[in-house]
Amino acid sequence: MKIVIAVVGVVLIFAVVVFAAFRTTSKSVYAGGSTVPGRVNIHDIVVKDIDGNDVKLSDYSGKVLLIVNVASKCGLTPQYEKLEKIYKEYKDQGLVILGFPCNDFAGQEPGTNEEIKNFCSMEYGVTFPMFDKIKVLGEQKAPLYARLLSNPDTGSQDIKWNFEKFLISKTGDVVGRFGSRVQPDAEEVVKAIQNEIEN
């Protein structure tokens, strides 16, 4: 009897953990503000753009960033259209969207950088900066995502799927996180972007 109770207990704990993880796929966190002691900052990180050139994220100092792990063959790929729309609407006010292709989820970004670049341009007219294909999970996780996921404000849970979004303040602090299914033009995302632009 004790064994049965113990097994049931373990199963219940597992179910709670799985449910909590599932909720993070659509959960949004927005801390707001900038330059707060203890916040995680990304401005010291160097990444490669989709053409293989080094880019210092400090070059975006003074800009509000929305960092997104993207994929070309995902049911959420049409979010590219809304990302481009938001970019065009707010870029003159200081917003920059950074797209990081990733093949970690069901092999939905299998192409080369050149193929991804052509797809984004031809299919969705993407003009915001695109970057080198990276990993966002496991031991080979890109340093940028290791930093994004070591964050007391927006949580340290792994990326669950394509098109998860991180909002970065003008000073490089990670201040917001929006789940994959939260649309780029959702009210909560737009308000958070506006707030950071105004800070």
N, C-alpha and C. Protein backbone atom coordinates (compact mmCIF):
# COMPACT_ATOMS: atom_id res chain seq x y z
N MET A 1 0.83 -1.21 0.00
CA MET A 1 0.00 0.00 0.00
C MET A 1 0.87 1.26 0.00
N LYS A 2 1.93 1.22 0.82
CA LYS A 2 2.83 2.37 0.90
C LYS A 2 3.50 2.63 -0.45
N ILE A 3 3.81 1.53 -1.16
CA ILE A 3 4.45 1.67 -2.47
C ILE A 3 3.50 2.35 -3.45
N VAL A 4 2.23 1.94 -3.41
CA VAL A 4 1.22 2.52 -4.29
C VAL A 4 1.07 4.02 -4.02
N ILE A 5 1.00 4.38 -2.73
CA ILE A 5 0.88 5.79 -2.35
C ILE A 5 2.08 6.59 -2.83
N ALA A 6 3.27 5.99 -2.67
CA ALA A 6 4.49 6.67 -3.11
C ALA A 6 4.49 6.90 -4.61
N VAL A 7 4.08 5.87 -5.38
CA VAL A 7 4.02 5.99 -6.84
C VAL A 7 3.02 7.06 -7.25
N VAL A 8 1.85 7.06 -6.60
CA VAL A 8 0.84 8.08 -6.91
C VAL A 8 1.39 9.47 -6.62
N GLY A 9 2.10 9.59 -5.51
CA GLY A 9 2.70 10.89 -5.15
C GLY A 9 3.67 11.37 -6.20
N VAL A 10 4.53 10.46 -6.69
CA VAL A 10 5.52 10.82 -7.71
C VAL A 10 4.81 11.24 -9.00
N VAL A 11 3.76 10.51 -9.38
CA VAL A 11 3.02 10.83 -10.59
C VAL A 11 2.37 12.20 -10.47
N LEU A 12 1.81 12.52 -9.31
CA LEU A 12 1.18 13.83 -9.10
C LEU A 12 2.20 14.95 -9.19
N ILE A 13 3.35 14.75 -8.60
CA ILE A 13 4.41 15.77 -8.65
C ILE A 13 4.84 16.00 -10.10
N PHE A 14 5.00 14.89 -10.85
CA PHE A 14 5.40 14.99 -12.25
C PHE A 14 4.34 15.76 -13.05
N ALA A 15 3.08 15.47 -12.78
CA ALA A 15 1.99 16.15 -13.50
C ALA A 15 2.00 17.65 -13.23
N VAL A 16 2.27 18.04 -11.99
CA VAL A 16 2.33 19.46 -11.63
C VAL A 16 3.47 20.14 -12.36
N VAL A 17 4.63 19.47 -12.41
CA VAL A 17 5.81 20.04 -13.09
C VAL A 17 5.52 20.22 -14.59
N VAL A 18 4.93 19.19 -15.22
CA VAL A 18 4.61 19.27 -16.65
C VAL A 18 3.61 20.39 -16.92
N PHE A 19 2.60 20.52 -16.06
CA PHE A 19 1.59 21.56 -16.23
C PHE A 19 2.21 22.94 -16.12
N ALA A 20 3.12 23.11 -15.15
CA ALA A 20 3.78 24.41 -14.97
C ALA A 20 4.63 24.76 -16.19
N ALA A 21 5.32 23.74 -16.74
CA ALA A 21 6.15 23.97 -17.93
C ALA A 21 5.28 24.34 -19.12
N PHE A 22 4.14 23.67 -19.26
CA PHE A 22 3.23 23.96 -20.37
C PHE A 22 2.72 25.39 -20.30
N ARG A 23 2.43 25.86 -19.11
CA ARG A 23 1.89 27.22 -18.96
C ARG A 23 2.88 28.27 -19.43
N THR A 24 4.19 27.99 -19.34
CA THR A 24 5.18 29.00 -19.73
C THR A 24 5.19 29.26 -21.23
N THR A 25 4.63 28.34 -22.04
CA THR A 25 4.66 28.55 -23.49
C THR A 25 3.82 29.74 -23.90
N SER A 26 2.83 30.08 -23.11
CA SER A 26 1.97 31.21 -23.47
C SER A 26 2.06 32.34 -22.46
N LYS A 27 2.81 32.10 -21.38
CA LYS A 27 2.91 33.10 -20.32
C LYS A 27 3.78 34.27 -20.77
N SER A 28 3.40 35.46 -20.34
CA SER A 28 4.18 36.65 -20.64
C SER A 28 4.66 37.26 -19.34
N VAL A 29 5.89 37.74 -19.35
CA VAL A 29 6.43 38.43 -18.18
C VAL A 29 7.01 39.75 -18.65
N TYR A 30 6.63 40.82 -18.00
CA TYR A 30 7.20 42.11 -18.33
C TYR A 30 7.58 42.83 -17.05
N ALA A 31 8.88 43.04 -16.87
CA ALA A 31 9.35 43.68 -15.65
C ALA A 31 9.36 45.20 -15.80
N GLY A 32 9.65 45.68 -17.01
CA GLY A 32 9.67 47.12 -17.25
C GLY A 32 10.88 47.82 -16.68
N GLY A 33 11.09 49.05 -17.14
CA GLY A 33 12.19 49.85 -16.61
C GLY A 33 13.53 49.49 -17.21
N SER A 34 14.60 50.09 -16.66
CA SER A 34 15.94 49.82 -17.17
C SER A 34 16.97 50.17 -16.10
N THR A 35 18.18 49.60 -16.30
CA THR A 35 19.31 49.83 -15.41
C THR A 35 18.96 49.60 -13.94
N VAL A 36 18.41 48.45 -13.66
CA VAL A 36 18.07 48.08 -12.29
C VAL A 36 19.14 47.12 -11.77
N PRO A 37 19.72 47.36 -10.57
CA PRO A 37 20.74 46.46 -10.03
C PRO A 37 20.25 45.02 -10.01
N GLY A 38 21.10 44.10 -10.47
CA GLY A 38 20.74 42.69 -10.47
C GLY A 38 20.12 42.22 -11.77
N ARG A 39 19.73 43.14 -12.64
CA ARG A 39 19.16 42.74 -13.93
C ARG A 39 20.25 42.14 -14.83
N VAL A 40 19.82 41.26 -15.70
CA VAL A 40 20.74 40.64 -16.65
C VAL A 40 20.89 41.54 -17.87
N ASN A 41 22.14 41.78 -18.28
CA ASN A 41 22.43 42.68 -19.39
C ASN A 41 23.11 41.90 -20.52
N ILE A 42 22.83 42.27 -21.77
CA ILE A 42 23.38 41.53 -22.91
C ILE A 42 24.34 42.35 -23.77
N HIS A 43 24.61 43.58 -23.41
CA HIS A 43 25.38 44.46 -24.28
C HIS A 43 26.84 44.05 -24.48
N ASP A 44 27.37 43.16 -23.63
CA ASP A 44 28.76 42.73 -23.81
C ASP A 44 28.89 41.53 -24.74
N ILE A 45 27.78 41.02 -25.24
CA ILE A 45 27.79 39.82 -26.08
C ILE A 45 28.00 40.19 -27.56
N VAL A 46 28.77 39.34 -28.26
CA VAL A 46 28.99 39.50 -29.70
C VAL A 46 28.32 38.33 -30.42
N VAL A 47 27.53 38.61 -31.43
CA VAL A 47 26.85 37.58 -32.22
C VAL A 47 27.25 37.73 -33.68
N LYS A 48 26.85 36.79 -34.51
CA LYS A 48 27.11 36.89 -35.95
C LYS A 48 25.80 37.14 -36.68
N ASP A 49 25.83 38.05 -37.65
CA ASP A 49 24.62 38.28 -38.44
C ASP A 49 24.47 37.18 -39.48
N ILE A 50 23.41 37.21 -40.25
CA ILE A 50 23.11 36.12 -41.17
C ILE A 50 24.14 36.01 -42.29
N ASP A 51 24.96 37.05 -42.48
CA ASP A 51 26.02 37.02 -43.48
C ASP A 51 27.37 36.63 -42.88
N GLY A 52 27.37 36.32 -41.58
CA GLY A 52 28.61 35.86 -40.93
C GLY A 52 29.46 36.95 -40.33
N ASN A 53 28.97 38.18 -40.27
CA ASN A 53 29.73 39.28 -39.70
C ASN A 53 29.48 39.40 -38.20
N ASP A 54 30.54 39.74 -37.46
CA ASP A 54 30.39 39.96 -36.02
C ASP A 54 29.58 41.21 -35.75
N VAL A 55 28.68 41.12 -34.79
CA VAL A 55 27.88 42.27 -34.37
C VAL A 55 27.93 42.36 -32.85
N LYS A 56 28.39 43.49 -32.35
CA LYS A 56 28.37 43.74 -30.91
C LYS A 56 26.98 44.22 -30.52
N LEU A 57 26.36 43.54 -29.56
CA LEU A 57 25.03 43.98 -29.15
C LEU A 57 25.08 45.36 -28.49
N SER A 58 26.26 45.77 -28.05
CA SER A 58 26.41 47.13 -27.52
C SER A 58 26.19 48.18 -28.60
N ASP A 59 26.31 47.76 -29.88
CA ASP A 59 26.04 48.68 -30.98
C ASP A 59 24.59 49.15 -30.97
N TYR A 60 23.72 48.40 -30.28
CA TYR A 60 22.31 48.76 -30.19
C TYR A 60 21.99 49.56 -28.94
N SER A 61 23.01 50.04 -28.27
CA SER A 61 22.79 50.88 -27.09
C SER A 61 21.91 52.06 -27.46
N GLY A 62 20.90 52.31 -26.65
CA GLY A 62 19.95 53.38 -26.94
C GLY A 62 18.75 52.93 -27.74
N LYS A 63 18.77 51.66 -28.17
CA LYS A 63 17.65 51.08 -28.91
C LYS A 63 16.92 50.07 -28.02
N VAL A 64 15.62 49.94 -28.24
CA VAL A 64 14.84 48.89 -27.60
C VAL A 64 14.86 47.69 -28.53
N LEU A 65 15.18 46.51 -28.00
CA LEU A 65 15.30 45.31 -28.82
C LEU A 65 14.19 44.31 -28.52
N LEU A 66 13.73 43.64 -29.56
CA LEU A 66 12.85 42.48 -29.40
C LEU A 66 13.57 41.33 -30.09
N ILE A 67 14.05 40.38 -29.27
CA ILE A 67 14.83 39.25 -29.76
C ILE A 67 13.91 38.04 -29.90
N VAL A 68 13.93 37.41 -31.09
CA VAL A 68 12.99 36.33 -31.39
C VAL A 68 13.72 35.15 -32.03
N ASN A 69 13.49 33.94 -31.52
CA ASN A 69 14.00 32.74 -32.20
C ASN A 69 12.99 32.33 -33.26
N VAL A 70 13.41 32.34 -34.51
CA VAL A 70 12.48 32.20 -35.64
C VAL A 70 12.70 30.90 -36.40
N ALA A 71 11.70 30.52 -37.20
CA ALA A 71 11.78 29.31 -38.01
C ALA A 71 10.91 29.49 -39.26
N SER A 72 11.33 28.86 -40.35
CA SER A 72 10.67 29.06 -41.64
C SER A 72 9.55 28.07 -41.94
N LYS A 73 9.51 26.95 -41.22
CA LYS A 73 8.54 25.90 -41.53
C LYS A 73 7.68 25.55 -40.32
N CYS A 74 7.28 26.56 -39.60
CA CYS A 74 6.52 26.40 -38.37
C CYS A 74 5.11 26.95 -38.58
N GLY A 75 4.17 26.41 -37.83
CA GLY A 75 2.81 26.95 -37.89
C GLY A 75 2.76 28.40 -37.45
N LEU A 76 3.79 28.85 -36.72
CA LEU A 76 3.85 30.23 -36.24
C LEU A 76 4.67 31.14 -37.17
N THR A 77 5.19 30.59 -38.26
CA THR A 77 6.02 31.38 -39.19
C THR A 77 5.33 32.65 -39.68
N PRO A 78 3.99 32.66 -39.87
CA PRO A 78 3.34 33.91 -40.27
C PRO A 78 3.54 35.07 -39.30
N GLN A 79 4.07 34.79 -38.10
CA GLN A 79 4.38 35.89 -37.19
C GLN A 79 5.43 36.83 -37.79
N TYR A 80 6.19 36.35 -38.76
CA TYR A 80 7.15 37.22 -39.45
C TYR A 80 6.45 38.49 -39.96
N GLU A 81 5.26 38.31 -40.49
CA GLU A 81 4.52 39.44 -41.06
C GLU A 81 4.23 40.49 -39.99
N LYS A 82 3.81 40.04 -38.80
CA LYS A 82 3.49 40.97 -37.73
C LYS A 82 4.75 41.56 -37.11
N LEU A 83 5.81 40.78 -37.07
CA LEU A 83 7.09 41.32 -36.58
C LEU A 83 7.56 42.45 -37.49
N GLU A 84 7.46 42.24 -38.79
CA GLU A 84 7.86 43.28 -39.75
C GLU A 84 6.98 44.52 -39.62
N LYS A 85 5.69 44.30 -39.40
CA LYS A 85 4.77 45.42 -39.24
C LYS A 85 5.13 46.25 -38.01
N ILE A 86 5.39 45.57 -36.90
CA ILE A 86 5.76 46.27 -35.66
C ILE A 86 7.09 47.00 -35.85
N TYR A 87 8.03 46.34 -36.53
CA TYR A 87 9.33 46.95 -36.77
C TYR A 87 9.18 48.25 -37.56
N LYS A 88 8.41 48.20 -38.63
CA LYS A 88 8.23 49.40 -39.46
C LYS A 88 7.52 50.51 -38.70
N GLU A 89 6.60 50.13 -37.83
CA GLU A 89 5.83 51.12 -37.09
C GLU A 89 6.66 51.83 -36.03
N TYR A 90 7.61 51.12 -35.43
CA TYR A 90 8.33 51.68 -34.28
C TYR A 90 9.83 51.87 -34.49
N LYS A 91 10.37 51.49 -35.65
CA LYS A 91 11.82 51.58 -35.81
C LYS A 91 12.32 53.03 -35.73
N ASP A 92 11.54 53.97 -36.23
CA ASP A 92 11.97 55.37 -36.17
C ASP A 92 11.92 55.92 -34.75
N GLN A 93 11.23 55.19 -33.86
CA GLN A 93 11.18 55.58 -32.44
C GLN A 93 12.23 54.83 -31.61
N GLY A 94 12.97 53.93 -32.27
CA GLY A 94 14.07 53.28 -31.56
C GLY A 94 13.93 51.79 -31.35
N LEU A 95 12.96 51.12 -31.99
CA LEU A 95 12.82 49.68 -31.85
C LEU A 95 13.62 48.96 -32.93
N VAL A 96 14.33 47.90 -32.53
CA VAL A 96 14.98 47.01 -33.48
C VAL A 96 14.60 45.58 -33.13
N ILE A 97 14.14 44.83 -34.12
CA ILE A 97 13.83 43.41 -33.94
C ILE A 97 15.02 42.61 -34.44
N LEU A 98 15.46 41.64 -33.65
CA LEU A 98 16.57 40.77 -34.03
C LEU A 98 16.06 39.35 -34.17
N GLY A 99 16.15 38.78 -35.38
CA GLY A 99 15.67 37.43 -35.63
C GLY A 99 16.82 36.43 -35.61
N PHE A 100 16.68 35.39 -34.77
CA PHE A 100 17.70 34.35 -34.65
C PHE A 100 17.11 33.01 -35.09
N PRO A 101 17.39 32.57 -36.32
CA PRO A 101 16.89 31.28 -36.79
C PRO A 101 17.38 30.15 -35.89
N CYS A 102 16.52 29.16 -35.70
CA CYS A 102 16.84 28.06 -34.80
C CYS A 102 16.14 26.80 -35.30
N ASN A 103 16.87 25.68 -35.31
CA ASN A 103 16.33 24.41 -35.80
C ASN A 103 16.07 23.43 -34.66
N ASP A 104 15.99 23.93 -33.43
CA ASP A 104 15.87 23.06 -32.26
C ASP A 104 14.49 22.43 -32.10
N PHE A 105 13.48 22.96 -32.77
CA PHE A 105 12.12 22.50 -32.54
C PHE A 105 11.55 21.82 -33.78
N ALA A 106 11.53 20.49 -33.73
CA ALA A 106 10.95 19.66 -34.79
C ALA A 106 11.59 19.91 -36.16
N GLY A 107 12.85 20.35 -36.17
CA GLY A 107 13.56 20.56 -37.43
C GLY A 107 12.88 21.55 -38.35
N GLN A 108 12.30 22.60 -37.78
CA GLN A 108 11.49 23.53 -38.58
C GLN A 108 12.27 24.70 -39.17
N GLU A 109 13.60 24.68 -38.99
CA GLU A 109 14.46 25.67 -39.66
C GLU A 109 15.67 24.94 -40.23
N PRO A 110 15.45 24.10 -41.28
CA PRO A 110 16.52 23.25 -41.80
C PRO A 110 17.48 23.95 -42.77
N GLY A 111 17.12 25.11 -43.27
CA GLY A 111 17.89 25.74 -44.34
C GLY A 111 19.20 26.35 -43.90
N THR A 112 20.01 26.72 -44.90
CA THR A 112 21.24 27.47 -44.66
C THR A 112 20.89 28.92 -44.37
N ASN A 113 21.87 29.67 -43.90
CA ASN A 113 21.63 31.10 -43.66
C ASN A 113 21.16 31.80 -44.93
N GLU A 114 21.76 31.45 -46.06
CA GLU A 114 21.39 32.09 -47.33
C GLU A 114 19.94 31.75 -47.70
N GLU A 115 19.56 30.49 -47.50
CA GLU A 115 18.19 30.08 -47.79
C GLU A 115 17.19 30.79 -46.87
N ILE A 116 17.55 30.90 -45.60
CA ILE A 116 16.69 31.58 -44.63
C ILE A 116 16.54 33.06 -45.01
N LYS A 117 17.65 33.67 -45.36
CA LYS A 117 17.64 35.09 -45.74
C LYS A 117 16.73 35.32 -46.94
N ASN A 118 16.84 34.46 -47.95
CA ASN A 118 16.01 34.59 -49.14
C ASN A 118 14.54 34.35 -48.82
N PHE A 119 14.26 33.36 -48.00
CA PHE A 119 12.88 33.05 -47.62
C PHE A 119 12.24 34.25 -46.91
N CYS A 120 12.94 34.80 -45.94
CA CYS A 120 12.39 35.93 -45.17
C CYS A 120 12.13 37.13 -46.06
N SER A 121 13.04 37.38 -46.98
CA SER A 121 12.90 38.52 -47.88
C SER A 121 11.78 38.32 -48.89
N MET A 122 11.75 37.14 -49.50
CA MET A 122 10.78 36.88 -50.58
C MET A 122 9.37 36.66 -50.05
N GLU A 123 9.25 35.90 -48.96
CA GLU A 123 7.92 35.52 -48.46
C GLU A 123 7.28 36.57 -47.56
N TYR A 124 8.10 37.26 -46.77
CA TYR A 124 7.53 38.18 -45.78
C TYR A 124 8.10 39.59 -45.84
N GLY A 125 8.99 39.86 -46.79
CA GLY A 125 9.54 41.20 -46.92
C GLY A 125 10.27 41.68 -45.69
N VAL A 126 10.94 40.76 -44.99
CA VAL A 126 11.62 41.10 -43.74
C VAL A 126 12.76 42.08 -43.99
N THR A 127 12.75 43.17 -43.23
CA THR A 127 13.84 44.15 -43.33
C THR A 127 14.58 44.32 -42.00
N PHE A 128 14.04 43.74 -40.93
CA PHE A 128 14.76 43.83 -39.65
C PHE A 128 15.96 42.88 -39.66
N PRO A 129 16.96 43.14 -38.82
CA PRO A 129 18.19 42.34 -38.85
C PRO A 129 17.96 40.86 -38.54
N MET A 130 18.56 40.02 -39.37
CA MET A 130 18.54 38.58 -39.17
C MET A 130 19.95 38.10 -38.85
N PHE A 131 20.03 37.02 -38.09
CA PHE A 131 21.33 36.57 -37.58
C PHE A 131 21.61 35.11 -37.92
N ASP A 132 22.81 34.70 -37.60
CA ASP A 132 23.29 33.35 -37.82
C ASP A 132 22.39 32.33 -37.12
N LYS A 133 22.15 31.20 -37.76
CA LYS A 133 21.33 30.15 -37.13
C LYS A 133 22.05 29.64 -35.89
N ILE A 134 21.31 29.52 -34.80
CA ILE A 134 21.90 29.16 -33.52
C ILE A 134 21.10 28.05 -32.85
N LYS A 135 21.63 27.59 -31.71
CA LYS A 135 20.90 26.68 -30.85
C LYS A 135 20.46 27.44 -29.60
N VAL A 136 19.25 27.15 -29.15
CA VAL A 136 18.74 27.81 -27.95
C VAL A 136 18.51 26.81 -26.82
N LEU A 137 18.81 25.54 -27.08
CA LEU A 137 18.64 24.48 -26.08
C LEU A 137 19.94 23.70 -25.90
N GLY A 138 20.08 23.06 -24.75
CA GLY A 138 21.17 22.12 -24.52
C GLY A 138 22.53 22.74 -24.28
N GLU A 139 23.54 21.88 -24.33
CA GLU A 139 24.91 22.30 -24.01
C GLU A 139 25.48 23.25 -25.05
N GLN A 140 24.97 23.21 -26.27
CA GLN A 140 25.47 24.09 -27.33
C GLN A 140 24.65 25.37 -27.46
N LYS A 141 23.86 25.65 -26.46
CA LYS A 141 23.05 26.87 -26.45
C LYS A 141 23.93 28.10 -26.67
N ALA A 142 23.49 28.98 -27.54
CA ALA A 142 24.25 30.19 -27.84
C ALA A 142 24.41 31.04 -26.58
N PRO A 143 25.56 31.71 -26.42
CA PRO A 143 25.79 32.55 -25.24
C PRO A 143 24.68 33.58 -25.00
N LEU A 144 24.14 34.13 -26.09
CA LEU A 144 23.06 35.10 -25.93
C LEU A 144 21.87 34.47 -25.21
N TYR A 145 21.49 33.26 -25.63
CA TYR A 145 20.33 32.63 -25.01
C TYR A 145 20.63 32.09 -23.62
N ALA A 146 21.88 31.73 -23.38
CA ALA A 146 22.27 31.36 -22.02
C ALA A 146 22.05 32.55 -21.09
N ARG A 147 22.34 33.74 -21.59
CA ARG A 147 22.16 34.97 -20.81
C ARG A 147 20.67 35.31 -20.67
N LEU A 148 19.93 35.22 -21.76
CA LEU A 148 18.50 35.54 -21.72
C LEU A 148 17.76 34.63 -20.73
N LEU A 149 18.26 33.40 -20.59
CA LEU A 149 17.59 32.43 -19.73
C LEU A 149 18.22 32.34 -18.35
N SER A 150 19.02 33.32 -18.00
CA SER A 150 19.56 33.42 -16.64
C SER A 150 19.10 34.74 -16.06
N ASN A 151 17.79 34.85 -15.92
CA ASN A 151 17.20 36.16 -15.70
C ASN A 151 16.15 36.12 -14.59
N PRO A 152 16.41 36.79 -13.48
CA PRO A 152 15.45 36.77 -12.37
C PRO A 152 14.12 37.45 -12.69
N ASP A 153 14.11 38.36 -13.66
CA ASP A 153 12.89 39.09 -13.96
C ASP A 153 11.93 38.30 -14.84
N THR A 154 12.47 37.61 -15.85
CA THR A 154 11.58 36.94 -16.80
C THR A 154 11.67 35.42 -16.75
N GLY A 155 12.43 34.88 -15.82
CA GLY A 155 12.46 33.45 -15.61
C GLY A 155 13.59 32.75 -16.34
N SER A 156 13.89 31.53 -15.88
CA SER A 156 14.99 30.76 -16.45
C SER A 156 14.52 29.50 -17.16
N GLN A 157 13.21 29.39 -17.41
CA GLN A 157 12.71 28.21 -18.10
C GLN A 157 13.24 28.17 -19.53
N ASP A 158 13.52 26.96 -20.02
CA ASP A 158 13.98 26.81 -21.40
C ASP A 158 12.96 27.35 -22.39
N ILE A 159 13.46 27.74 -23.57
CA ILE A 159 12.58 28.10 -24.67
C ILE A 159 11.74 26.87 -25.00
N LYS A 160 10.44 27.06 -25.17
CA LYS A 160 9.55 25.93 -25.44
C LYS A 160 9.29 25.71 -26.93
N TRP A 161 9.39 26.77 -27.75
CA TRP A 161 9.05 26.63 -29.16
C TRP A 161 9.58 27.83 -29.93
N ASN A 162 9.37 27.81 -31.23
CA ASN A 162 9.78 28.93 -32.09
C ASN A 162 8.97 30.19 -31.76
N PHE A 163 9.57 31.33 -32.04
CA PHE A 163 8.94 32.65 -31.92
C PHE A 163 8.65 33.08 -30.48
N GLU A 164 9.50 32.66 -29.55
CA GLU A 164 9.44 33.26 -28.22
C GLU A 164 10.17 34.60 -28.30
N LYS A 165 9.72 35.56 -27.51
CA LYS A 165 10.20 36.93 -27.67
C LYS A 165 10.74 37.49 -26.35
N PHE A 166 11.91 38.14 -26.42
CA PHE A 166 12.52 38.80 -25.27
C PHE A 166 12.64 40.29 -25.56
N LEU A 167 12.21 41.10 -24.61
CA LEU A 167 12.30 42.55 -24.76
C LEU A 167 13.50 43.05 -23.97
N ILE A 168 14.29 43.89 -24.62
CA ILE A 168 15.53 44.41 -24.05
C ILE A 168 15.45 45.93 -23.98
N SER A 169 15.83 46.49 -22.83
CA SER A 169 15.77 47.94 -22.65
C SER A 169 16.88 48.65 -23.44
N LYS A 170 16.81 49.96 -23.48
CA LYS A 170 17.81 50.76 -24.20
C LYS A 170 19.21 50.56 -23.63
N THR A 171 19.30 50.18 -22.36
CA THR A 171 20.59 49.98 -21.72
C THR A 171 21.05 48.53 -21.77
N GLY A 172 20.27 47.66 -22.43
CA GLY A 172 20.69 46.27 -22.60
C GLY A 172 20.17 45.30 -21.57
N ASP A 173 19.27 45.75 -20.69
CA ASP A 173 18.72 44.86 -19.67
C ASP A 173 17.56 44.04 -20.25
N VAL A 174 17.49 42.77 -19.83
CA VAL A 174 16.37 41.91 -20.21
C VAL A 174 15.18 42.28 -19.33
N VAL A 175 14.11 42.78 -19.94
CA VAL A 175 12.99 43.30 -19.14
C VAL A 175 11.65 42.63 -19.46
N GLY A 176 11.58 41.83 -20.52
CA GLY A 176 10.30 41.22 -20.85
C GLY A 176 10.46 39.92 -21.61
N ARG A 177 9.48 39.04 -21.45
CA ARG A 177 9.48 37.75 -22.15
C ARG A 177 8.04 37.41 -22.52
N PHE A 178 7.84 37.04 -23.76
CA PHE A 178 6.50 36.73 -24.26
C PHE A 178 6.52 35.38 -24.97
N GLY A 179 5.56 34.53 -24.64
CA GLY A 179 5.51 33.18 -25.17
C GLY A 179 5.33 33.14 -26.68
N SER A 180 5.60 31.97 -27.24
CA SER A 180 5.55 31.78 -28.69
C SER A 180 4.21 32.16 -29.29
N ARG A 181 3.13 31.84 -28.59
CA ARG A 181 1.79 32.08 -29.15
C ARG A 181 1.28 33.50 -28.89
N VAL A 182 2.05 34.29 -28.16
CA VAL A 182 1.69 35.70 -27.99
C VAL A 182 2.10 36.42 -29.27
N GLN A 183 1.12 36.97 -29.97
CA GLN A 183 1.39 37.61 -31.25
C GLN A 183 2.24 38.87 -31.07
N PRO A 184 3.12 39.16 -32.04
CA PRO A 184 3.98 40.34 -31.92
C PRO A 184 3.21 41.65 -31.77
N ASP A 185 1.98 41.69 -32.31
CA ASP A 185 1.19 42.92 -32.20
C ASP A 185 0.14 42.85 -31.10
N ALA A 186 0.28 41.87 -30.20
CA ALA A 186 -0.64 41.78 -29.06
C ALA A 186 -0.51 43.03 -28.20
N GLU A 187 -1.59 43.44 -27.58
CA GLU A 187 -1.61 44.67 -26.81
C GLU A 187 -0.51 44.69 -25.74
N GLU A 188 -0.32 43.55 -25.07
CA GLU A 188 0.68 43.51 -23.99
C GLU A 188 2.09 43.72 -24.52
N VAL A 189 2.36 43.21 -25.73
CA VAL A 189 3.69 43.38 -26.33
C VAL A 189 3.89 44.83 -26.75
N VAL A 190 2.89 45.37 -27.45
CA VAL A 190 2.98 46.75 -27.94
C VAL A 190 3.13 47.73 -26.79
N LYS A 191 2.36 47.54 -25.72
CA LYS A 191 2.45 48.45 -24.57
C LYS A 191 3.82 48.38 -23.92
N ALA A 192 4.37 47.17 -23.84
CA ALA A 192 5.71 47.01 -23.24
C ALA A 192 6.77 47.69 -24.10
N ILE A 193 6.66 47.54 -25.42
CA ILE A 193 7.59 48.21 -26.33
C ILE A 193 7.49 49.73 -26.18
N GLN A 194 6.26 50.24 -26.18
CA GLN A 194 6.05 51.68 -26.05
C GLN A 194 6.64 52.19 -24.73
N ASN A 195 6.44 51.44 -23.67
CA ASN A 195 6.94 51.85 -22.37
C ASN A 195 8.47 51.97 -22.38
N GLU A 196 9.13 50.99 -23.00
CA GLU A 196 10.60 51.02 -23.07
C GLU A 196 11.09 52.15 -23.97
N ILE A 197 10.38 52.41 -25.04
CA ILE A 197 10.76 53.51 -25.93
C ILE A 197 10.68 54.85 -25.18
N GLU A 198 9.67 54.98 -24.33
CA GLU A 198 9.45 56.23 -23.61
C GLU A 198 10.41 56.41 -22.43
N ASN A 199 11.01 55.31 -21.95
CA ASN A 199 11.92 55.41 -20.80
C ASN A 199 13.24 56.07 -21.17
